[in-house]
């Protein structure tokens, strides 16, 4: 997902949780970081979309490295890093996570 989209999702969820309406600021009793902490660590276990997106990208990279003959891996290689290895691929000019 695009970083700005992740931020907007987090913002909408935070506004809903904190009860913000009509651009009026409401009292924020705790930080968003604390709310997103796991329940075992004292948080509420809310999903931080940006961190979740990074985890899913890392999981996809792991699958590419572990399954080089997978059809999806072959497709990615043909489209994005056909002249090099996956770990040596350079960042494109139009990335979605800037």
PDB file of N, CA and C in Angstrom:
ATOM      1  N   UNK A   1       0.830  -1.182   0.000  1.00  0.00           N
ATOM      2  CA  UNK A   1       0.000   0.000   0.000  1.00  0.00           C
ATOM      3  C   UNK A   1       0.876   1.248   0.000  1.00  0.00           C
ATOM      4  N   UNK A   2       0.351   2.297  -0.502  1.00  0.00           N
ATOM      5  CA  UNK A   2       1.046   3.574  -0.509  1.00  0.00           C
ATOM      6  C   UNK A   2       1.099   4.121   0.917  1.00  0.00           C
ATOM      7  N   UNK A   3       2.240   4.725   1.265  1.00  0.00           N
ATOM      8  CA  UNK A   3       2.445   5.227   2.627  1.00  0.00           C
ATOM      9  C   UNK A   3       1.377   6.245   3.009  1.00  0.00           C
ATOM     10  N   UNK A   4       1.038   7.141   2.105  1.00  0.00           N
ATOM     11  CA  UNK A   4       0.026   8.150   2.434  1.00  0.00           C
ATOM     12  C   UNK A   4      -1.334   7.499   2.693  1.00  0.00           C
ATOM     13  N   UNK A   5      -1.631   6.430   1.984  1.00  0.00           N
ATOM     14  CA  UNK A   5      -2.883   5.715   2.214  1.00  0.00           C
ATOM     15  C   UNK A   5      -2.879   5.057   3.595  1.00  0.00           C
ATOM     16  N   UNK A   6      -1.745   4.474   3.983  1.00  0.00           N
ATOM     17  CA  UNK A   6      -1.619   3.882   5.330  1.00  0.00           C
ATOM     18  C   UNK A   6      -1.817   4.945   6.401  1.00  0.00           C
ATOM     19  N   UNK A   7      -1.230   6.116   6.189  1.00  0.00           N
ATOM     20  CA  UNK A   7      -1.387   7.208   7.160  1.00  0.00           C
ATOM     21  C   UNK A   7      -2.848   7.636   7.270  1.00  0.00           C
ATOM     22  N   UNK A   8      -3.522   7.737   6.134  1.00  0.00           N
ATOM     23  CA  UNK A   8      -4.922   8.142   6.157  1.00  0.00           C
ATOM     24  C   UNK A   8      -5.788   7.117   6.884  1.00  0.00           C
ATOM     25  N   UNK A   9      -5.507   5.830   6.662  1.00  0.00           N
ATOM     26  CA  UNK A   9      -6.254   4.798   7.380  1.00  0.00           C
ATOM     27  C   UNK A   9      -6.022   4.905   8.882  1.00  0.00           C
ATOM     28  N   UNK A  10      -4.765   5.105   9.275  1.00  0.00           N
ATOM     29  CA  UNK A  10      -4.464   5.284  10.700  1.00  0.00           C
ATOM     30  C   UNK A  10      -5.169   6.513  11.257  1.00  0.00           C
ATOM     31  N   UNK A  11      -5.172   7.602  10.490  1.00  0.00           N
ATOM     32  CA  UNK A  11      -5.832   8.831  10.941  1.00  0.00           C
ATOM     33  C   UNK A  11      -7.337   8.633  11.127  1.00  0.00           C
ATOM     34  N   UNK A  12      -7.967   7.958  10.181  1.00  0.00           N
ATOM     35  CA  UNK A  12      -9.413   7.708  10.301  1.00  0.00           C
ATOM     36  C   UNK A  12      -9.729   6.838  11.507  1.00  0.00           C
ATOM     37  N   UNK A  13      -8.918   5.815  11.720  1.00  0.00           N
ATOM     38  CA  UNK A  13      -9.143   4.951  12.870  1.00  0.00           C
ATOM     39  C   UNK A  13      -8.926   5.709  14.177  1.00  0.00           C
ATOM     40  N   UNK A  14      -7.895   6.554  14.220  1.00  0.00           N
ATOM     41  CA  UNK A  14      -7.621   7.344  15.427  1.00  0.00           C
ATOM     42  C   UNK A  14      -8.750   8.339  15.692  1.00  0.00           C
ATOM     43  N   UNK A  15      -9.232   9.009  14.641  1.00  0.00           N
ATOM     44  CA  UNK A  15     -10.333   9.952  14.831  1.00  0.00           C
ATOM     45  C   UNK A  15     -11.588   9.250  15.345  1.00  0.00           C
ATOM     46  N   UNK A  16     -11.837   8.056  14.811  1.00  0.00           N
ATOM     47  CA  UNK A  16     -12.990   7.301  15.287  1.00  0.00           C
ATOM     48  C   UNK A  16     -12.805   6.929  16.756  1.00  0.00           C
ATOM     49  N   UNK A  17     -11.626   6.448  17.105  1.00  0.00           N
ATOM     50  CA  UNK A  17     -11.378   6.008  18.473  1.00  0.00           C
ATOM     51  C   UNK A  17     -11.440   7.165  19.458  1.00  0.00           C
ATOM     52  N   UNK A  18     -10.852   8.304  19.079  1.00  0.00           N
ATOM     53  CA  UNK A  18     -10.812   9.440  19.984  1.00  0.00           C
ATOM     54  C   UNK A  18     -12.079  10.297  19.914  1.00  0.00           C
ATOM     55  N   UNK A  19     -12.961  10.008  18.984  1.00  0.00           N
ATOM     56  CA  UNK A  19     -14.233  10.702  18.925  1.00  0.00           C
ATOM     57  C   UNK A  19     -14.155  12.091  18.313  1.00  0.00           C
ATOM     58  N   UNK A  20     -13.186  12.337  17.448  1.00  0.00           N
ATOM     59  CA  UNK A  20     -13.058  13.653  16.834  1.00  0.00           C
ATOM     60  C   UNK A  20     -14.143  13.826  15.771  1.00  0.00           C
ATOM     61  N   UNK A  21     -14.821  14.973  15.815  1.00  0.00           N
ATOM     62  CA  UNK A  21     -15.863  15.257  14.846  1.00  0.00           C
ATOM     63  C   UNK A  21     -15.704  16.686  14.337  1.00  0.00           C
ATOM     64  N   UNK A  22     -15.973  16.889  13.072  1.00  0.00           N
ATOM     65  CA  UNK A  22     -16.027  18.228  12.473  1.00  0.00           C
ATOM     66  C   UNK A  22     -14.762  19.049  12.733  1.00  0.00           C
ATOM     67  N   UNK A  23     -13.613  18.447  12.583  1.00  0.00           N
ATOM     68  CA  UNK A  23     -12.322  19.131  12.716  1.00  0.00           C
ATOM     69  C   UNK A  23     -12.060  19.704  14.104  1.00  0.00           C
ATOM     70  N   UNK A  24     -12.888  19.375  15.072  1.00  0.00           N
ATOM     71  CA  UNK A  24     -12.629  19.817  16.451  1.00  0.00           C
ATOM     72  C   UNK A  24     -11.677  18.825  17.101  1.00  0.00           C
ATOM     73  N   UNK A  25     -10.701  19.363  17.785  1.00  0.00           N
ATOM     74  CA  UNK A  25      -9.762  18.502  18.500  1.00  0.00           C
ATOM     75  C   UNK A  25     -10.430  17.960  19.763  1.00  0.00           C
ATOM     76  N   UNK A  26     -10.205  16.711  20.047  1.00  0.00           N
ATOM     77  CA  UNK A  26     -10.718  16.110  21.270  1.00  0.00           C
ATOM     78  C   UNK A  26      -9.535  15.689  22.142  1.00  0.00           C
ATOM     79  N   UNK A  27      -9.803  15.381  23.357  1.00  0.00           N
ATOM     80  CA  UNK A  27      -8.768  14.975  24.294  1.00  0.00           C
ATOM     81  C   UNK A  27      -8.232  13.604  23.890  1.00  0.00           C
ATOM     82  N   UNK A  28      -6.942  13.516  23.735  1.00  0.00           N
ATOM     83  CA  UNK A  28      -6.304  12.242  23.410  1.00  0.00           C
ATOM     84  C   UNK A  28      -5.670  11.728  24.693  1.00  0.00           C
ATOM     85  N   UNK A  29      -6.276  10.737  25.277  1.00  0.00           N
ATOM     86  CA  UNK A  29      -5.865  10.267  26.589  1.00  0.00           C
ATOM     87  C   UNK A  29      -4.592   9.448  26.559  1.00  0.00           C
ATOM     88  N   UNK A  30      -4.250   8.916  25.412  1.00  0.00           N
ATOM     89  CA  UNK A  30      -3.007   8.152  25.267  1.00  0.00           C
ATOM     90  C   UNK A  30      -2.512   8.280  23.837  1.00  0.00           C
ATOM     91  N   UNK A  31      -1.267   7.932  23.616  1.00  0.00           N
ATOM     92  CA  UNK A  31      -0.687   8.081  22.278  1.00  0.00           C
ATOM     93  C   UNK A  31      -1.164   6.959  21.351  1.00  0.00           C
ATOM     94  N   UNK A  32      -1.085   7.240  20.070  1.00  0.00           N
ATOM     95  CA  UNK A  32      -1.477   6.237  19.090  1.00  0.00           C
ATOM     96  C   UNK A  32      -0.540   5.040  19.158  1.00  0.00           C
ATOM     97  N   UNK A  33       0.726   5.300  19.439  1.00  0.00           N
ATOM     98  CA  UNK A  33       1.706   4.216  19.570  1.00  0.00           C
ATOM     99  C   UNK A  33       1.312   3.269  20.711  1.00  0.00           C
ATOM    100  N   UNK A  34       0.850   3.827  21.816  1.00  0.00           N
ATOM    101  CA  UNK A  34       0.430   3.001  22.959  1.00  0.00           C
ATOM    102  C   UNK A  34      -0.824   2.200  22.622  1.00  0.00           C
ATOM    103  N   UNK A  35      -1.724   2.775  21.865  1.00  0.00           N
ATOM    104  CA  UNK A  35      -2.945   2.069  21.470  1.00  0.00           C
ATOM    105  C   UNK A  35      -2.614   0.894  20.552  1.00  0.00           C
ATOM    106  N   UNK A  36      -1.608   1.072  19.697  1.00  0.00           N
ATOM    107  CA  UNK A  36      -1.239   0.022  18.744  1.00  0.00           C
ATOM    108  C   UNK A  36      -0.376  -1.071  19.371  1.00  0.00           C
ATOM    109  N   UNK A  37       0.061  -0.892  20.607  1.00  0.00           N
ATOM    110  CA  UNK A  37       0.832  -1.932  21.284  1.00  0.00           C
ATOM    111  C   UNK A  37      -0.016  -3.182  21.487  1.00  0.00           C
ATOM    112  N   UNK A  38       0.639  -4.320  21.529  1.00  0.00           N
ATOM    113  CA  UNK A  38      -0.062  -5.580  21.744  1.00  0.00           C
ATOM    114  C   UNK A  38      -0.745  -5.572  23.116  1.00  0.00           C
ATOM    115  N   UNK A  39      -1.839  -6.279  23.226  1.00  0.00           N
ATOM    116  CA  UNK A  39      -2.598  -6.311  24.482  1.00  0.00           C
ATOM    117  C   UNK A  39      -1.761  -6.827  25.646  1.00  0.00           C
ATOM    118  N   UNK A  40      -0.912  -7.795  25.390  1.00  0.00           N
ATOM    119  CA  UNK A  40      -0.067  -8.352  26.445  1.00  0.00           C
ATOM    120  C   UNK A  40       0.873  -7.281  27.002  1.00  0.00           C
ATOM    121  N   UNK A  41       1.260  -6.316  26.153  1.00  0.00           N
ATOM    122  CA  UNK A  41       2.172  -5.250  26.567  1.00  0.00           C
ATOM    123  C   UNK A  41       1.446  -4.015  27.075  1.00  0.00           C
ATOM    124  N   UNK A  42       0.146  -4.110  27.277  1.00  0.00           N
ATOM    125  CA  UNK A  42      -0.613  -3.006  27.853  1.00  0.00           C
ATOM    126  C   UNK A  42      -1.323  -2.121  26.854  1.00  0.00           C
ATOM    127  N   UNK A  43      -1.268  -2.446  25.595  1.00  0.00           N
ATOM    128  CA  UNK A  43      -1.973  -1.658  24.588  1.00  0.00           C
ATOM    129  C   UNK A  43      -3.346  -2.233  24.300  1.00  0.00           C
ATOM    130  N   UNK A  44      -3.956  -1.703  23.250  1.00  0.00           N
ATOM    131  CA  UNK A  44      -5.274  -2.198  22.844  1.00  0.00           C
ATOM    132  C   UNK A  44      -5.203  -3.145  21.655  1.00  0.00           C
ATOM    133  N   UNK A  45      -4.021  -3.289  21.087  1.00  0.00           N
ATOM    134  CA  UNK A  45      -3.838  -4.232  19.998  1.00  0.00           C
ATOM    135  C   UNK A  45      -4.354  -3.745  18.656  1.00  0.00           C
ATOM    136  N   UNK A  46      -4.483  -2.416  18.481  1.00  0.00           N
ATOM    137  CA  UNK A  46      -4.924  -1.882  17.195  1.00  0.00           C
ATOM    138  C   UNK A  46      -3.843  -2.106  16.152  1.00  0.00           C
ATOM    139  N   UNK A  47      -4.262  -2.234  14.915  1.00  0.00           N
ATOM    140  CA  UNK A  47      -3.348  -2.460  13.810  1.00  0.00           C
ATOM    141  C   UNK A  47      -2.803  -1.131  13.308  1.00  0.00           C
ATOM    142  N   UNK A  48      -1.481  -1.008  13.271  1.00  0.00           N
ATOM    143  CA  UNK A  48      -0.845   0.143  12.629  1.00  0.00           C
ATOM    144  C   UNK A  48      -0.619  -0.250  11.174  1.00  0.00           C
ATOM    145  N   UNK A  49      -1.336   0.371  10.266  1.00  0.00           N
ATOM    146  CA  UNK A  49      -1.332  -0.040   8.871  1.00  0.00           C
ATOM    147  C   UNK A  49       0.032   0.090   8.223  1.00  0.00           C
ATOM    148  N   UNK A  50       0.815   1.084   8.603  1.00  0.00           N
ATOM    149  CA  UNK A  50       2.143   1.254   8.020  1.00  0.00           C
ATOM    150  C   UNK A  50       3.063   0.098   8.420  1.00  0.00           C
ATOM    151  N   UNK A  51       3.083  -0.252   9.698  1.00  0.00           N
ATOM    152  CA  UNK A  51       3.917  -1.373  10.150  1.00  0.00           C
ATOM    153  C   UNK A  51       3.444  -2.689   9.552  1.00  0.00           C
ATOM    154  N   UNK A  52       2.146  -2.864   9.437  1.00  0.00           N
ATOM    155  CA  UNK A  52       1.608  -4.074   8.843  1.00  0.00           C
ATOM    156  C   UNK A  52       1.995  -4.180   7.370  1.00  0.00           C
ATOM    157  N   UNK A  53       1.987  -3.069   6.666  1.00  0.00           N
ATOM    158  CA  UNK A  53       2.374  -3.059   5.261  1.00  0.00           C
ATOM    159  C   UNK A  53       3.836  -3.465   5.095  1.00  0.00           C
ATOM    160  N   UNK A  54       4.711  -2.939   5.949  1.00  0.00           N
ATOM    161  CA  UNK A  54       6.131  -3.289   5.887  1.00  0.00           C
ATOM    162  C   UNK A  54       6.319  -4.783   6.177  1.00  0.00           C
ATOM    163  N   UNK A  55       5.578  -5.315   7.139  1.00  0.00           N
ATOM    164  CA  UNK A  55       5.670  -6.738   7.453  1.00  0.00           C
ATOM    165  C   UNK A  55       5.217  -7.598   6.274  1.00  0.00           C
ATOM    166  N   UNK A  56       4.158  -7.188   5.596  1.00  0.00           N
ATOM    167  CA  UNK A  56       3.678  -7.953   4.447  1.00  0.00           C
ATOM    168  C   UNK A  56       4.662  -7.889   3.276  1.00  0.00           C
ATOM    169  N   UNK A  57       5.314  -6.742   3.090  1.00  0.00           N
ATOM    170  CA  UNK A  57       6.334  -6.640   2.046  1.00  0.00           C
ATOM    171  C   UNK A  57       7.526  -7.533   2.360  1.00  0.00           C
ATOM    172  N   UNK A  58       7.931  -7.583   3.628  1.00  0.00           N
ATOM    173  CA  UNK A  58       9.033  -8.452   4.037  1.00  0.00           C
ATOM    174  C   UNK A  58       8.659  -9.924   3.836  1.00  0.00           C
ATOM    175  N   UNK A  59       7.421 -10.268   4.126  1.00  0.00           N
ATOM    176  CA  UNK A  59       6.957 -11.637   3.939  1.00  0.00           C
ATOM    177  C   UNK A  59       6.992 -12.014   2.458  1.00  0.00           C
ATOM    178  N   UNK A  60       6.594 -11.083   1.599  1.00  0.00           N
ATOM    179  CA  UNK A  60       6.627 -11.337   0.165  1.00  0.00           C
ATOM    180  C   UNK A  60       8.067 -11.500  -0.328  1.00  0.00           C
ATOM    181  N   UNK A  61       8.981 -10.677   0.195  1.00  0.00           N
ATOM    182  CA  UNK A  61      10.392 -10.798  -0.177  1.00  0.00           C
ATOM    183  C   UNK A  61      10.934 -12.159   0.255  1.00  0.00           C
ATOM    184  N   UNK A  62      10.561 -12.607   1.438  1.00  0.00           N
ATOM    185  CA  UNK A  62      10.991 -13.915   1.910  1.00  0.00           C
ATOM    186  C   UNK A  62      10.492 -15.023   0.985  1.00  0.00           C
ATOM    187  N   UNK A  63       9.251 -14.930   0.551  1.00  0.00           N
ATOM    188  CA  UNK A  63       8.709 -15.939  -0.369  1.00  0.00           C
ATOM    189  C   UNK A  63       9.455 -15.934  -1.700  1.00  0.00           C
ATOM    190  N   UNK A  64       9.818 -14.758  -2.182  1.00  0.00           N
ATOM    191  CA  UNK A  64      10.563 -14.662  -3.442  1.00  0.00           C
ATOM    192  C   UNK A  64      11.920 -15.342  -3.297  1.00  0.00           C
ATOM    193  N   UNK A  65      12.587 -15.119  -2.170  1.00  0.00           N
ATOM    194  CA  UNK A  65      13.903 -15.717  -1.956  1.00  0.00           C
ATOM    195  C   UNK A  65      13.828 -17.228  -1.724  1.00  0.00           C
ATOM    196  N   UNK A  66      12.800 -17.697  -1.046  1.00  0.00           N
ATOM    197  CA  UNK A  66      12.696 -19.112  -0.709  1.00  0.00           C
ATOM    198  C   UNK A  66      12.114 -19.969  -1.839  1.00  0.00           C
ATOM    199  N   UNK A  67      11.334 -19.374  -2.723  1.00  0.00           N
ATOM    200  CA  UNK A  67      10.674 -20.126  -3.800  1.00  0.00           C
ATOM    201  C   UNK A  67      10.991 -19.504  -5.159  1.00  0.00           C
ATOM    202  N   UNK A  68      12.217 -19.674  -5.651  1.00  0.00           N
ATOM    203  CA  UNK A  68      12.587 -19.027  -6.916  1.00  0.00           C
ATOM    204  C   UNK A  68      11.853 -19.579  -8.135  1.00  0.00           C
ATOM    205  N   UNK A  69      11.281 -20.770  -8.049  1.00  0.00           N
ATOM    206  CA  UNK A  69      10.578 -21.361  -9.191  1.00  0.00           C
ATOM    207  C   UNK A  69       9.075 -21.135  -9.152  1.00  0.00           C
ATOM    208  N   UNK A  70       8.588 -20.424  -8.162  1.00  0.00           N
ATOM    209  CA  UNK A  70       7.173 -20.123  -8.045  1.00  0.00           C
ATOM    210  C   UNK A  70       6.745 -19.241  -9.218  1.00  0.00           C
ATOM    211  N   UNK A  71       5.519 -19.427  -9.683  1.00  0.00           N
ATOM    212  CA  UNK A  71       5.044 -18.667 -10.837  1.00  0.00           C
ATOM    213  C   UNK A  71       5.038 -17.157 -10.557  1.00  0.00           C
ATOM    214  N   UNK A  72       4.634 -16.760  -9.359  1.00  0.00           N
ATOM    215  CA  UNK A  72       4.617 -15.346  -9.007  1.00  0.00           C
ATOM    216  C   UNK A  72       6.033 -14.769  -8.958  1.00  0.00           C
ATOM    217  N   UNK A  73       6.971 -15.543  -8.430  1.00  0.00           N
ATOM    218  CA  UNK A  73       8.364 -15.107  -8.381  1.00  0.00           C
ATOM    219  C   UNK A  73       8.922 -14.930  -9.782  1.00  0.00           C
ATOM    220  N   UNK A  74       8.625 -15.853 -10.661  1.00  0.00           N
ATOM    221  CA  UNK A  74       9.092 -15.763 -12.057  1.00  0.00           C
ATOM    222  C   UNK A  74       8.494 -14.523 -12.724  1.00  0.00           C
ATOM    223  N   UNK A  75       7.226 -14.242 -12.445  1.00  0.00           N
ATOM    224  CA  UNK A  75       6.578 -13.065 -13.028  1.00  0.00           C
ATOM    225  C   UNK A  75       7.220 -11.769 -12.510  1.00  0.00           C
ATOM    226  N   UNK A  76       7.440 -11.704 -11.181  1.00  0.00           N
ATOM    227  CA  UNK A  76       8.101 -10.523 -10.613  1.00  0.00           C
ATOM    228  C   UNK A  76       9.495 -10.333 -11.194  1.00  0.00           C
ATOM    229  N   UNK A  77      10.226 -11.425 -11.320  1.00  0.00           N
ATOM    230  CA  UNK A  77      11.584 -11.341 -11.852  1.00  0.00           C
ATOM    231  C   UNK A  77      11.565 -10.822 -13.288  1.00  0.00           C
ATOM    232  N   UNK A  78      10.635 -11.314 -14.096  1.00  0.00           N
ATOM    233  CA  UNK A  78      10.555 -10.875 -15.486  1.00  0.00           C
ATOM    234  C   UNK A  78      10.177  -9.401 -15.590  1.00  0.00           C
ATOM    235  N   UNK A  79       9.365  -8.917 -14.680  1.00  0.00           N
ATOM    236  CA  UNK A  79       8.894  -7.542 -14.778  1.00  0.00           C
ATOM    237  C   UNK A  79       9.797  -6.534 -14.073  1.00  0.00           C
ATOM    238  N   UNK A  80      10.317  -6.872 -12.885  1.00  0.00           N
ATOM    239  CA  UNK A  80      10.972  -5.864 -12.054  1.00  0.00           C
ATOM    240  C   UNK A  80      12.478  -5.999 -11.915  1.00  0.00           C
ATOM    241  N   UNK A  81      13.021  -7.213 -11.920  1.00  0.00           N
ATOM    242  CA  UNK A  81      14.464  -7.349 -11.722  1.00  0.00           C
ATOM    243  C   UNK A  81      15.032  -8.456 -12.606  1.00  0.00           C
ATOM    244  N   UNK A  82      14.739  -8.364 -13.904  1.00  0.00           N
ATOM    245  CA  UNK A  82      15.127  -9.414 -14.836  1.00  0.00           C
ATOM    246  C   UNK A  82      16.626  -9.448 -15.123  1.00  0.00           C
ATOM    247  N   UNK A  83      17.340  -8.351 -14.911  1.00  0.00           N
ATOM    248  CA  UNK A  83      18.767  -8.311 -15.225  1.00  0.00           C
ATOM    249  C   UNK A  83      19.657  -8.517 -14.009  1.00  0.00           C
ATOM    250  N   UNK A  84      19.081  -8.735 -12.849  1.00  0.00           N
ATOM    251  CA  UNK A  84      19.864  -8.834 -11.629  1.00  0.00           C
ATOM    252  C   UNK A  84      19.196  -9.785 -10.645  1.00  0.00           C
ATOM    253  N   UNK A  85      19.851 -10.035  -9.555  1.00  0.00           N
ATOM    254  CA  UNK A  85      19.276 -10.836  -8.473  1.00  0.00           C
ATOM    255  C   UNK A  85      18.328  -9.966  -7.652  1.00  0.00           C
ATOM    256  N   UNK A  86      17.432 -10.607  -6.933  1.00  0.00           N
ATOM    257  CA  UNK A  86      16.433  -9.887  -6.156  1.00  0.00           C
ATOM    258  C   UNK A  86      17.067  -8.948  -5.135  1.00  0.00           C
ATOM    259  N   UNK A  87      18.043  -9.428  -4.401  1.00  0.00           N
ATOM    260  CA  UNK A  87      18.668  -8.607  -3.363  1.00  0.00           C
ATOM    261  C   UNK A  87      19.558  -7.503  -3.924  1.00  0.00           C
ATOM    262  N   UNK A  88      19.889  -7.576  -5.209  1.00  0.00           N
ATOM    263  CA  UNK A  88      20.712  -6.537  -5.826  1.00  0.00           C
ATOM    264  C   UNK A  88      19.893  -5.593  -6.701  1.00  0.00           C
ATOM    265  N   UNK A  89      18.597  -5.770  -6.739  1.00  0.00           N
ATOM    266  CA  UNK A  89      17.734  -4.921  -7.556  1.00  0.00           C
ATOM    267  C   UNK A  89      17.744  -3.495  -7.003  1.00  0.00           C
ATOM    268  N   UNK A  90      17.710  -2.527  -7.916  1.00  0.00           N
ATOM    269  CA  UNK A  90      17.711  -1.124  -7.509  1.00  0.00           C
ATOM    270  C   UNK A  90      16.278  -0.623  -7.405  1.00  0.00           C
ATOM    271  N   UNK A  91      16.104   0.395  -6.604  1.00  0.00           N
ATOM    272  CA  UNK A  91      14.794   0.988  -6.408  1.00  0.00           C
ATOM    273  C   UNK A  91      14.387   1.744  -7.666  1.00  0.00           C
ATOM    274  N   UNK A  92      13.162   1.555  -8.100  1.00  0.00           N
ATOM    275  CA  UNK A  92      12.669   2.233  -9.288  1.00  0.00           C
ATOM    276  C   UNK A  92      12.440   3.712  -9.047  1.00  0.00           C
ATOM    277  N   UNK A  93      12.120   4.429 -10.105  1.00  0.00           N
ATOM    278  CA  UNK A  93      11.922   5.875  -9.995  1.00  0.00           C
ATOM    279  C   UNK A  93      10.525   6.247  -9.497  1.00  0.00           C
ATOM    280  N   UNK A  94       9.553   5.349  -9.606  1.00  0.00           N
ATOM    281  CA  UNK A  94       8.183   5.650  -9.182  1.00  0.00           C
ATOM    282  C   UNK A  94       7.732   4.658  -8.120  1.00  0.00           C
ATOM    283  N   UNK A  95       8.277   4.786  -6.935  1.00  0.00           N
ATOM    284  CA  UNK A  95       7.915   3.874  -5.858  1.00  0.00           C
ATOM    285  C   UNK A  95       6.670   4.377  -5.145  1.00  0.00           C
ATOM    286  N   UNK A  96       5.955   3.462  -4.520  1.00  0.00           N
ATOM    287  CA  UNK A  96       4.717   3.841  -3.837  1.00  0.00           C
ATOM    288  C   UNK A  96       4.923   4.070  -2.351  1.00  0.00           C
ATOM    289  N   UNK A  97       6.114   3.872  -1.834  1.00  0.00           N
ATOM    290  CA  UNK A  97       6.322   4.028  -0.390  1.00  0.00           C
ATOM    291  C   UNK A  97       7.164   5.231  -0.040  1.00  0.00           C
ATOM    292  N   UNK A  98       7.286   6.185  -0.936  1.00  0.00           N
ATOM    293  CA  UNK A  98       8.028   7.426  -0.638  1.00  0.00           C
ATOM    294  C   UNK A  98       7.230   8.341   0.241  1.00  0.00           C
TER     295      UNK A  98
END
